[in-house]
């Protein structure tokens, strides 16, 4: 008896989330299809019923973050996407540049965990990554007070501080410098949010 469409959809989602976590932990090249399927409790043969290759799975894993783990993360941080105002941008800065986020390798944003892998990937994977960045920029841009001059420029700068600060901090695990970088990025982002002229 064939599996139902609902079962196939749940299996598909399980493969994606399992892969997202493994890619975060080990990077694209160290993760194999066998690893993903074993961790998901599935057989390798079923993989190709869902994805044409590992690169397609990588694209899906990066793309899934925004409305999957990322949505849960935003909710936990008190970010209300229907009520964007300066407080929401502050919540984003505080949560994104937090020590909790830095320490949560499995739940970490792909923009922190996977930038070099994405840079070497297909245009489709890079587009998925860009969607994440665009979403962050959009959140900042639409949370900045209306009397600000250049919302876009400030939003891009805030996004660069958030992602860049965390990428550097992640490369220095268990180092005082990692914490110094994270805190410096957080402090500078907050100052930039508070700055009236930009």
N, C-alpha and C. Protein backbone atom coordinates (compact mmCIF):
# COMPACT_ATOMS: atom_id res chain seq x y z
N UNK A 1 0.84 -1.19 0.00
CA UNK A 1 0.00 0.00 0.00
C UNK A 1 0.88 1.25 0.00
N UNK A 2 0.66 2.17 -0.95
CA UNK A 2 1.50 3.37 -1.02
C UNK A 2 1.24 4.30 0.17
N UNK A 3 2.27 5.06 0.51
CA UNK A 3 2.14 6.03 1.60
C UNK A 3 1.22 7.17 1.17
N UNK A 4 0.55 7.76 2.14
CA UNK A 4 -0.34 8.89 1.86
C UNK A 4 0.48 10.14 1.56
N UNK A 5 -0.16 11.12 0.95
CA UNK A 5 0.49 12.39 0.64
C UNK A 5 0.96 13.06 1.93
N UNK A 6 0.17 12.93 3.00
CA UNK A 6 0.54 13.52 4.29
C UNK A 6 1.81 12.87 4.85
N UNK A 7 1.88 11.55 4.74
CA UNK A 7 3.07 10.84 5.21
C UNK A 7 4.30 11.27 4.41
N UNK A 8 4.15 11.39 3.10
CA UNK A 8 5.27 11.81 2.26
C UNK A 8 5.72 13.23 2.63
N UNK A 9 4.76 14.10 2.89
CA UNK A 9 5.07 15.48 3.27
C UNK A 9 5.82 15.54 4.60
N UNK A 10 5.38 14.74 5.57
CA UNK A 10 6.06 14.71 6.87
C UNK A 10 7.46 14.14 6.75
N UNK A 11 7.61 13.11 5.94
CA UNK A 11 8.93 12.52 5.71
C UNK A 11 9.86 13.53 5.05
N UNK A 12 9.33 14.23 4.05
CA UNK A 12 10.09 15.27 3.35
C UNK A 12 10.59 16.32 4.34
N UNK A 13 9.69 16.80 5.18
CA UNK A 13 10.05 17.82 6.18
C UNK A 13 11.08 17.29 7.18
N UNK A 14 10.94 16.03 7.56
CA UNK A 14 11.88 15.41 8.50
C UNK A 14 13.28 15.33 7.90
N UNK A 15 13.37 14.98 6.64
CA UNK A 15 14.67 14.92 5.96
C UNK A 15 15.31 16.31 5.92
N UNK A 16 14.53 17.30 5.58
CA UNK A 16 15.04 18.68 5.49
C UNK A 16 15.55 19.16 6.84
N UNK A 17 14.76 18.97 7.89
CA UNK A 17 15.17 19.46 9.21
C UNK A 17 16.38 18.70 9.73
N UNK A 18 16.42 17.40 9.49
CA UNK A 18 17.59 16.62 9.89
C UNK A 18 18.83 17.12 9.16
N UNK A 19 18.70 17.35 7.87
CA UNK A 19 19.83 17.84 7.07
C UNK A 19 20.27 19.22 7.54
N UNK A 20 19.30 20.10 7.84
CA UNK A 20 19.64 21.45 8.29
C UNK A 20 20.51 21.39 9.54
N UNK A 21 20.14 20.55 10.48
CA UNK A 21 20.91 20.41 11.72
C UNK A 21 22.30 19.84 11.43
N UNK A 22 22.36 18.80 10.61
CA UNK A 22 23.66 18.19 10.30
C UNK A 22 24.57 19.16 9.52
N UNK A 23 24.00 19.91 8.59
CA UNK A 23 24.80 20.89 7.86
C UNK A 23 25.34 21.94 8.84
N UNK A 24 24.51 22.37 9.79
CA UNK A 24 24.97 23.33 10.79
C UNK A 24 26.13 22.77 11.60
N UNK A 25 26.04 21.51 11.96
CA UNK A 25 27.08 20.90 12.80
C UNK A 25 28.38 20.67 12.05
N UNK A 26 28.27 20.13 10.83
CA UNK A 26 29.45 19.62 10.15
C UNK A 26 29.80 20.30 8.83
N UNK A 27 28.91 21.13 8.31
CA UNK A 27 29.15 21.74 7.01
C UNK A 27 28.66 20.85 5.88
N UNK A 28 28.47 21.43 4.72
CA UNK A 28 27.89 20.73 3.58
C UNK A 28 28.73 19.51 3.16
N UNK A 29 30.02 19.68 3.05
CA UNK A 29 30.86 18.63 2.46
C UNK A 29 31.05 17.42 3.37
N UNK A 30 30.96 17.59 4.66
CA UNK A 30 31.15 16.45 5.57
C UNK A 30 29.87 15.65 5.80
N UNK A 31 28.75 16.21 5.39
CA UNK A 31 27.47 15.51 5.57
C UNK A 31 27.18 14.70 4.32
N UNK A 32 26.84 13.44 4.53
CA UNK A 32 26.49 12.58 3.40
C UNK A 32 24.99 12.28 3.41
N UNK A 33 24.50 11.84 2.28
CA UNK A 33 23.09 11.43 2.19
C UNK A 33 22.83 10.30 3.18
N UNK A 34 23.77 9.37 3.29
CA UNK A 34 23.62 8.26 4.25
C UNK A 34 23.48 8.78 5.67
N UNK A 35 24.29 9.79 6.04
CA UNK A 35 24.20 10.37 7.38
C UNK A 35 22.82 10.96 7.64
N UNK A 36 22.33 11.74 6.67
CA UNK A 36 21.04 12.40 6.82
C UNK A 36 19.93 11.37 7.01
N UNK A 37 19.92 10.38 6.13
CA UNK A 37 18.83 9.40 6.17
C UNK A 37 18.90 8.54 7.43
N UNK A 38 20.10 8.18 7.85
CA UNK A 38 20.24 7.39 9.08
C UNK A 38 19.77 8.20 10.29
N UNK A 39 20.17 9.47 10.35
CA UNK A 39 19.78 10.33 11.47
C UNK A 39 18.26 10.54 11.49
N UNK A 40 17.66 10.56 10.30
CA UNK A 40 16.20 10.72 10.19
C UNK A 40 15.46 9.41 10.42
N UNK A 41 16.21 8.30 10.55
CA UNK A 41 15.58 7.00 10.76
C UNK A 41 14.97 6.43 9.49
N UNK A 42 15.57 6.77 8.35
CA UNK A 42 15.05 6.35 7.05
C UNK A 42 16.15 5.64 6.26
N UNK A 43 15.75 4.96 5.20
CA UNK A 43 16.74 4.27 4.36
C UNK A 43 17.20 5.18 3.24
N UNK A 44 18.42 4.97 2.80
CA UNK A 44 19.00 5.80 1.75
C UNK A 44 18.16 5.76 0.48
N UNK A 45 17.59 4.61 0.17
CA UNK A 45 16.82 4.46 -1.06
C UNK A 45 15.67 5.43 -1.17
N UNK A 46 15.10 5.83 -0.05
CA UNK A 46 13.98 6.76 -0.07
C UNK A 46 14.36 8.19 -0.37
N UNK A 47 15.65 8.50 -0.27
CA UNK A 47 16.09 9.89 -0.47
C UNK A 47 15.66 10.43 -1.82
N UNK A 48 15.85 9.64 -2.85
CA UNK A 48 15.61 10.13 -4.22
C UNK A 48 14.13 10.23 -4.56
N UNK A 49 13.26 9.80 -3.65
CA UNK A 49 11.83 10.09 -3.82
C UNK A 49 11.52 11.54 -3.43
N UNK A 50 12.48 12.19 -2.78
CA UNK A 50 12.27 13.54 -2.27
C UNK A 50 13.19 14.59 -2.90
N UNK A 51 14.43 14.20 -3.22
CA UNK A 51 15.42 15.16 -3.73
C UNK A 51 16.23 14.53 -4.85
N UNK A 52 16.60 15.35 -5.83
CA UNK A 52 17.38 14.82 -6.95
C UNK A 52 18.84 14.60 -6.56
N UNK A 53 19.35 15.39 -5.58
CA UNK A 53 20.74 15.23 -5.14
C UNK A 53 20.94 15.99 -3.82
N UNK A 54 22.14 15.90 -3.29
CA UNK A 54 22.44 16.55 -2.00
C UNK A 54 22.36 18.06 -2.10
N UNK A 55 22.73 18.62 -3.24
CA UNK A 55 22.67 20.07 -3.43
C UNK A 55 21.22 20.58 -3.34
N UNK A 56 20.28 19.82 -3.89
CA UNK A 56 18.86 20.20 -3.79
C UNK A 56 18.40 20.14 -2.34
N UNK A 57 18.89 19.16 -1.60
CA UNK A 57 18.57 19.09 -0.17
C UNK A 57 19.17 20.28 0.57
N UNK A 58 20.37 20.67 0.22
CA UNK A 58 21.02 21.82 0.85
C UNK A 58 20.20 23.08 0.62
N UNK A 59 19.75 23.27 -0.61
CA UNK A 59 18.89 24.42 -0.92
C UNK A 59 17.64 24.41 -0.04
N UNK A 60 16.99 23.26 0.07
CA UNK A 60 15.77 23.15 0.87
C UNK A 60 16.06 23.39 2.35
N UNK A 61 17.20 22.91 2.83
CA UNK A 61 17.55 23.08 4.25
C UNK A 61 17.78 24.55 4.58
N UNK A 62 18.50 25.26 3.72
CA UNK A 62 18.73 26.69 3.94
C UNK A 62 17.42 27.45 3.87
N UNK A 63 16.62 27.15 2.86
CA UNK A 63 15.35 27.84 2.66
C UNK A 63 14.36 27.59 3.80
N UNK A 64 14.41 26.40 4.38
CA UNK A 64 13.44 26.03 5.41
C UNK A 64 13.58 26.83 6.70
N UNK A 65 14.74 27.40 6.93
CA UNK A 65 14.99 28.05 8.21
C UNK A 65 14.03 29.21 8.47
N UNK A 66 13.77 30.01 7.46
CA UNK A 66 12.99 31.23 7.65
C UNK A 66 11.63 30.97 8.29
N UNK A 67 10.88 30.01 7.77
CA UNK A 67 9.54 29.75 8.29
C UNK A 67 9.50 28.52 9.21
N UNK A 68 10.65 27.88 9.42
CA UNK A 68 10.74 26.73 10.32
C UNK A 68 11.36 27.12 11.64
N UNK A 69 12.61 26.70 11.84
CA UNK A 69 13.30 26.99 13.10
C UNK A 69 13.42 28.50 13.32
N UNK A 70 13.61 29.26 12.26
CA UNK A 70 13.72 30.71 12.38
C UNK A 70 12.45 31.36 12.90
N UNK A 71 11.29 30.87 12.47
CA UNK A 71 10.02 31.40 12.94
C UNK A 71 9.85 31.14 14.43
N UNK A 72 10.22 29.94 14.86
CA UNK A 72 10.14 29.60 16.28
C UNK A 72 11.11 30.48 17.08
N UNK A 73 12.29 30.66 16.54
CA UNK A 73 13.30 31.50 17.19
C UNK A 73 12.80 32.95 17.32
N UNK A 74 12.18 33.50 16.26
CA UNK A 74 11.65 34.87 16.33
C UNK A 74 10.55 34.98 17.37
N UNK A 75 9.69 33.98 17.43
CA UNK A 75 8.61 33.98 18.42
C UNK A 75 9.17 33.98 19.84
N UNK A 76 10.16 33.13 20.08
CA UNK A 76 10.79 33.05 21.40
C UNK A 76 11.47 34.37 21.77
N UNK A 77 11.94 35.10 20.76
CA UNK A 77 12.61 36.38 21.00
C UNK A 77 11.63 37.54 21.15
N UNK A 78 10.34 37.27 20.98
CA UNK A 78 9.33 38.33 21.12
C UNK A 78 9.22 39.22 19.89
N UNK A 79 9.62 38.71 18.74
CA UNK A 79 9.55 39.50 17.50
C UNK A 79 8.21 39.24 16.85
N UNK A 80 7.39 40.28 16.75
CA UNK A 80 6.06 40.20 16.15
C UNK A 80 6.14 40.78 14.75
N UNK A 81 6.09 39.93 13.75
CA UNK A 81 6.24 40.37 12.36
C UNK A 81 5.05 41.18 11.87
N UNK A 82 3.97 41.20 12.63
CA UNK A 82 2.79 41.99 12.24
C UNK A 82 2.78 43.36 12.89
N UNK A 83 3.75 43.62 13.75
CA UNK A 83 3.79 44.89 14.47
C UNK A 83 5.23 45.41 14.49
N UNK A 84 5.76 45.68 13.30
CA UNK A 84 7.15 46.09 13.21
C UNK A 84 7.32 47.54 13.66
N UNK A 85 8.20 47.73 14.61
CA UNK A 85 8.52 49.03 15.19
C UNK A 85 9.92 48.92 15.77
N UNK A 86 10.52 50.01 16.21
CA UNK A 86 11.90 49.95 16.70
C UNK A 86 12.15 48.88 17.77
N UNK A 87 11.16 48.60 18.60
CA UNK A 87 11.34 47.57 19.63
C UNK A 87 11.59 46.19 19.02
N UNK A 88 10.97 45.92 17.88
CA UNK A 88 11.16 44.62 17.23
C UNK A 88 12.60 44.50 16.69
N UNK A 89 13.14 45.59 16.16
CA UNK A 89 14.53 45.57 15.71
C UNK A 89 15.46 45.35 16.89
N UNK A 90 15.15 45.97 18.03
CA UNK A 90 15.97 45.77 19.24
C UNK A 90 15.91 44.31 19.69
N UNK A 91 14.72 43.72 19.63
CA UNK A 91 14.59 42.30 20.00
C UNK A 91 15.43 41.43 19.07
N UNK A 92 15.41 41.77 17.78
CA UNK A 92 16.18 41.01 16.80
C UNK A 92 17.67 41.10 17.10
N UNK A 93 18.15 42.29 17.36
CA UNK A 93 19.57 42.49 17.69
C UNK A 93 19.94 41.70 18.94
N UNK A 94 19.12 41.85 19.98
CA UNK A 94 19.41 41.16 21.25
C UNK A 94 19.44 39.65 21.08
N UNK A 95 18.47 39.11 20.36
CA UNK A 95 18.36 37.66 20.22
C UNK A 95 19.39 37.10 19.24
N UNK A 96 19.55 37.78 18.12
CA UNK A 96 20.47 37.27 17.09
C UNK A 96 21.91 37.28 17.60
N UNK A 97 22.27 38.34 18.29
CA UNK A 97 23.63 38.49 18.78
C UNK A 97 23.77 38.02 20.23
N UNK A 98 22.96 37.08 20.63
CA UNK A 98 23.02 36.57 22.00
C UNK A 98 23.99 35.40 22.12
N UNK A 99 24.45 35.18 23.33
CA UNK A 99 25.31 34.01 23.58
C UNK A 99 24.51 32.72 23.40
N UNK A 100 23.20 32.76 23.67
CA UNK A 100 22.36 31.58 23.46
C UNK A 100 22.34 31.18 21.99
N UNK A 101 22.17 32.16 21.11
CA UNK A 101 22.14 31.87 19.67
C UNK A 101 23.50 31.36 19.21
N UNK A 102 24.57 31.96 19.71
CA UNK A 102 25.90 31.52 19.33
C UNK A 102 26.15 30.07 19.76
N UNK A 103 25.65 29.71 20.92
CA UNK A 103 25.87 28.37 21.44
C UNK A 103 24.95 27.31 20.88
N UNK A 104 23.89 27.71 20.20
CA UNK A 104 22.90 26.77 19.68
C UNK A 104 23.28 26.36 18.25
N UNK A 105 24.27 25.49 18.13
CA UNK A 105 24.74 25.11 16.79
C UNK A 105 23.63 24.47 15.96
N UNK A 106 22.82 23.63 16.57
CA UNK A 106 21.76 22.96 15.82
C UNK A 106 20.69 23.94 15.34
N UNK A 107 20.39 24.95 16.13
CA UNK A 107 19.33 25.89 15.79
C UNK A 107 19.81 27.17 15.15
N UNK A 108 21.10 27.29 14.96
CA UNK A 108 21.68 28.52 14.45
C UNK A 108 21.22 28.86 13.04
N UNK A 109 21.12 30.15 12.80
CA UNK A 109 20.77 30.64 11.46
C UNK A 109 21.82 30.18 10.44
N UNK A 110 21.40 29.71 9.27
CA UNK A 110 22.36 29.30 8.24
C UNK A 110 23.30 30.42 7.80
N UNK A 111 22.90 31.67 7.98
CA UNK A 111 23.80 32.76 7.61
C UNK A 111 25.03 32.78 8.49
N UNK A 112 24.93 32.23 9.69
CA UNK A 112 26.07 32.13 10.59
C UNK A 112 26.81 30.82 10.35
N UNK A 113 26.06 29.75 10.23
CA UNK A 113 26.64 28.41 10.19
C UNK A 113 27.24 28.03 8.84
N UNK A 114 26.74 28.59 7.75
CA UNK A 114 27.06 28.02 6.44
C UNK A 114 27.55 28.99 5.36
N UNK A 115 28.03 30.18 5.69
CA UNK A 115 28.33 31.12 4.60
C UNK A 115 29.36 30.66 3.60
N UNK A 116 30.44 30.01 4.03
CA UNK A 116 31.45 29.58 3.06
C UNK A 116 30.95 28.43 2.20
N UNK A 117 30.15 27.54 2.79
CA UNK A 117 29.55 26.45 2.00
C UNK A 117 28.62 27.01 0.94
N UNK A 118 27.83 28.00 1.32
CA UNK A 118 26.88 28.62 0.38
C UNK A 118 27.63 29.33 -0.74
N UNK A 119 28.71 30.01 -0.39
CA UNK A 119 29.49 30.74 -1.40
C UNK A 119 30.01 29.82 -2.49
N UNK A 120 30.20 28.55 -2.16
CA UNK A 120 30.73 27.58 -3.13
C UNK A 120 29.62 26.72 -3.74
N UNK A 121 28.38 27.03 -3.45
CA UNK A 121 27.26 26.21 -3.90
C UNK A 121 26.61 26.77 -5.16
N UNK A 122 25.53 26.12 -5.54
CA UNK A 122 24.80 26.49 -6.75
C UNK A 122 24.08 27.83 -6.58
N UNK A 123 23.71 28.44 -7.69
CA UNK A 123 22.92 29.68 -7.60
C UNK A 123 21.62 29.48 -6.82
N UNK A 124 21.03 28.30 -6.90
CA UNK A 124 19.78 28.04 -6.17
C UNK A 124 20.00 28.11 -4.66
N UNK A 125 21.09 27.53 -4.20
CA UNK A 125 21.41 27.59 -2.76
C UNK A 125 21.71 29.03 -2.37
N UNK A 126 22.46 29.72 -3.19
CA UNK A 126 22.78 31.12 -2.90
C UNK A 126 21.53 31.99 -2.86
N UNK A 127 20.56 31.70 -3.74
CA UNK A 127 19.29 32.44 -3.72
C UNK A 127 18.53 32.19 -2.43
N UNK A 128 18.55 30.95 -1.93
CA UNK A 128 17.88 30.64 -0.66
C UNK A 128 18.53 31.40 0.49
N UNK A 129 19.85 31.46 0.47
CA UNK A 129 20.60 32.20 1.48
C UNK A 129 20.26 33.69 1.40
N UNK A 130 20.19 34.21 0.17
CA UNK A 130 19.86 35.63 -0.02
C UNK A 130 18.45 35.95 0.48
N UNK A 131 17.54 35.00 0.35
CA UNK A 131 16.19 35.21 0.89
C UNK A 131 16.22 35.41 2.40
N UNK A 132 17.08 34.67 3.09
CA UNK A 132 17.22 34.85 4.53
C UNK A 132 17.74 36.26 4.84
N UNK A 133 18.78 36.66 4.12
CA UNK A 133 19.33 37.99 4.34
C UNK A 133 18.31 39.07 4.01
N UNK A 134 17.60 38.91 2.91
CA UNK A 134 16.56 39.88 2.55
C UNK A 134 15.50 39.99 3.63
N UNK A 135 15.14 38.87 4.25
CA UNK A 135 14.14 38.89 5.32
C UNK A 135 14.65 39.67 6.52
N UNK A 136 15.92 39.50 6.86
CA UNK A 136 16.48 40.25 7.99
C UNK A 136 16.52 41.74 7.67
N UNK A 137 17.00 42.07 6.47
CA UNK A 137 17.05 43.48 6.06
C UNK A 137 15.65 44.08 6.08
N UNK A 138 14.68 43.33 5.57
CA UNK A 138 13.29 43.81 5.54
C UNK A 138 12.79 44.08 6.97
N UNK A 139 13.05 43.17 7.89
CA UNK A 139 12.62 43.37 9.27
C UNK A 139 13.21 44.66 9.84
N UNK A 140 14.50 44.85 9.65
CA UNK A 140 15.13 46.07 10.16
C UNK A 140 14.60 47.30 9.46
N UNK A 141 14.51 47.22 8.15
CA UNK A 141 14.07 48.38 7.36
C UNK A 141 12.67 48.83 7.76
N UNK A 142 11.80 47.87 8.04
CA UNK A 142 10.42 48.20 8.38
C UNK A 142 10.20 48.44 9.86
N UNK A 143 11.24 48.27 10.66
CA UNK A 143 11.14 48.52 12.10
C UNK A 143 11.76 49.86 12.49
N UNK A 144 12.45 50.49 11.57
CA UNK A 144 13.12 51.76 11.86
C UNK A 144 12.07 52.87 11.84
N UNK A 145 12.21 53.80 12.76
CA UNK A 145 11.24 54.89 12.89
C UNK A 145 11.08 55.66 11.58
N UNK A 146 9.86 56.11 11.32
CA UNK A 146 9.55 56.77 10.05
C UNK A 146 10.36 58.05 9.81
N UNK A 147 10.82 58.69 10.88
CA UNK A 147 11.54 59.95 10.69
C UNK A 147 13.02 59.73 10.36
N UNK A 148 13.44 58.48 10.23
CA UNK A 148 14.82 58.17 9.86
C UNK A 148 15.03 58.48 8.38
N UNK A 149 16.26 58.81 8.03
CA UNK A 149 16.55 59.20 6.65
C UNK A 149 16.63 58.01 5.70
N UNK A 150 17.62 57.17 5.87
CA UNK A 150 17.85 56.10 4.91
C UNK A 150 17.64 54.75 5.58
N UNK A 151 16.40 54.28 5.56
CA UNK A 151 16.07 53.01 6.20
C UNK A 151 16.89 51.85 5.64
N UNK A 152 17.01 51.82 4.33
CA UNK A 152 17.69 50.68 3.69
C UNK A 152 19.15 50.59 4.09
N UNK A 153 19.85 51.71 4.06
CA UNK A 153 21.27 51.72 4.41
C UNK A 153 21.48 51.28 5.86
N UNK A 154 20.64 51.76 6.73
CA UNK A 154 20.75 51.39 8.15
C UNK A 154 20.42 49.90 8.33
N UNK A 155 19.41 49.42 7.64
CA UNK A 155 19.02 48.01 7.73
C UNK A 155 20.13 47.10 7.23
N UNK A 156 20.77 47.48 6.13
CA UNK A 156 21.89 46.69 5.60
C UNK A 156 23.05 46.67 6.58
N UNK A 157 23.33 47.81 7.19
CA UNK A 157 24.43 47.88 8.16
C UNK A 157 24.14 47.04 9.38
N UNK A 158 22.91 47.10 9.88
CA UNK A 158 22.53 46.29 11.04
C UNK A 158 22.63 44.80 10.72
N UNK A 159 22.19 44.41 9.55
CA UNK A 159 22.26 43.01 9.14
C UNK A 159 23.71 42.54 9.04
N UNK A 160 24.56 43.38 8.46
CA UNK A 160 25.97 43.03 8.34
C UNK A 160 26.62 42.88 9.71
N UNK A 161 26.28 43.76 10.64
CA UNK A 161 26.81 43.65 12.01
C UNK A 161 26.35 42.36 12.68
N UNK A 162 25.07 42.06 12.55
CA UNK A 162 24.52 40.86 13.19
C UNK A 162 25.16 39.59 12.64
N UNK A 163 25.11 39.44 11.33
CA UNK A 163 25.62 38.22 10.72
C UNK A 163 27.14 38.16 10.83
N UNK A 164 27.81 39.22 10.47
CA UNK A 164 29.27 39.23 10.48
C UNK A 164 29.84 39.02 11.87
N UNK A 165 29.25 39.66 12.86
CA UNK A 165 29.72 39.48 14.23
C UNK A 165 29.60 38.05 14.69
N UNK A 166 28.48 37.42 14.34
CA UNK A 166 28.27 36.03 14.76
C UNK A 166 29.13 35.05 13.97
N UNK A 167 29.36 35.32 12.69
CA UNK A 167 30.23 34.44 11.90
C UNK A 167 31.63 34.44 12.51
N UNK A 168 32.15 35.63 12.81
CA UNK A 168 33.48 35.71 13.42
C UNK A 168 33.51 35.01 14.78
N UNK A 169 32.49 35.26 15.59
CA UNK A 169 32.45 34.65 16.92
C UNK A 169 32.39 33.13 16.82
N UNK A 170 31.65 32.61 15.85
CA UNK A 170 31.53 31.15 15.72
C UNK A 170 32.86 30.51 15.32
N UNK A 171 33.70 31.24 14.61
CA UNK A 171 34.97 30.67 14.18
C UNK A 171 35.98 30.57 15.32
N UNK A 172 35.64 31.13 16.46
CA UNK A 172 36.56 31.14 17.60
C UNK A 172 35.90 30.50 18.83
N UNK A 173 35.51 29.24 18.74
CA UNK A 173 34.79 28.63 19.87
C UNK A 173 35.64 28.62 21.14
N UNK A 174 34.95 28.81 22.25
CA UNK A 174 35.59 28.77 23.57
C UNK A 174 36.73 29.79 23.70
N UNK A 175 36.58 30.91 23.06
CA UNK A 175 37.60 31.96 23.11
C UNK A 175 37.00 33.23 23.70
N UNK A 176 37.79 33.93 24.51
CA UNK A 176 37.33 35.21 25.03
C UNK A 176 37.10 36.19 23.90
N UNK A 177 37.91 36.09 22.86
CA UNK A 177 37.76 36.99 21.72
C UNK A 177 36.40 36.82 21.05
N UNK A 178 35.89 35.59 20.99
CA UNK A 178 34.57 35.34 20.41
C UNK A 178 33.50 36.13 21.15
N UNK A 179 33.56 36.09 22.46
CA UNK A 179 32.57 36.81 23.28
C UNK A 179 32.75 38.32 23.11
N UNK A 180 34.00 38.78 23.04
CA UNK A 180 34.26 40.21 22.84
C UNK A 180 33.69 40.68 21.50
N UNK A 181 33.87 39.88 20.46
CA UNK A 181 33.36 40.24 19.13
C UNK A 181 31.84 40.28 19.15
N UNK A 182 31.23 39.25 19.72
CA UNK A 182 29.76 39.19 19.79
C UNK A 182 29.21 40.40 20.51
N UNK A 183 29.78 40.73 21.65
CA UNK A 183 29.29 41.86 22.44
C UNK A 183 29.56 43.19 21.75
N UNK A 184 30.70 43.32 21.09
CA UNK A 184 31.00 44.56 20.35
C UNK A 184 30.00 44.76 19.22
N UNK A 185 29.69 43.69 18.49
CA UNK A 185 28.71 43.78 17.41
C UNK A 185 27.34 44.16 17.96
N UNK A 186 26.96 43.55 19.08
CA UNK A 186 25.67 43.84 19.70
C UNK A 186 25.60 45.31 20.16
N UNK A 187 26.65 45.77 20.83
CA UNK A 187 26.67 47.17 21.31
C UNK A 187 26.62 48.15 20.15
N UNK A 188 27.39 47.88 19.10
CA UNK A 188 27.43 48.78 17.94
C UNK A 188 26.09 48.79 17.21
N UNK A 189 25.47 47.62 17.09
CA UNK A 189 24.15 47.55 16.44
C UNK A 189 23.12 48.35 17.24
N UNK A 190 23.16 48.25 18.55
CA UNK A 190 22.21 49.01 19.39
C UNK A 190 22.47 50.51 19.24
N UNK A 191 23.72 50.92 19.20
CA UNK A 191 24.04 52.34 19.02
C UNK A 191 23.55 52.82 17.66
N UNK A 192 23.72 52.00 16.65
CA UNK A 192 23.26 52.35 15.31
C UNK A 192 21.74 52.47 15.28
N UNK A 193 21.05 51.58 15.97
CA UNK A 193 19.58 51.68 16.04
C UNK A 193 19.16 52.97 16.71
N UNK A 194 19.89 53.38 17.74
CA UNK A 194 19.53 54.59 18.50
C UNK A 194 19.93 55.87 17.81
N UNK A 195 20.87 55.78 16.85
CA UNK A 195 21.36 56.97 16.18
C UNK A 195 20.24 57.59 15.35
N UNK A 196 20.04 58.89 15.48
CA UNK A 196 18.96 59.56 14.75
C UNK A 196 19.37 59.93 13.34
N UNK A 197 20.63 60.24 13.16
CA UNK A 197 21.10 60.59 11.82
C UNK A 197 21.96 59.46 11.30
N UNK A 198 21.82 59.18 10.03
CA UNK A 198 22.64 58.10 9.45
C UNK A 198 23.03 58.47 8.04
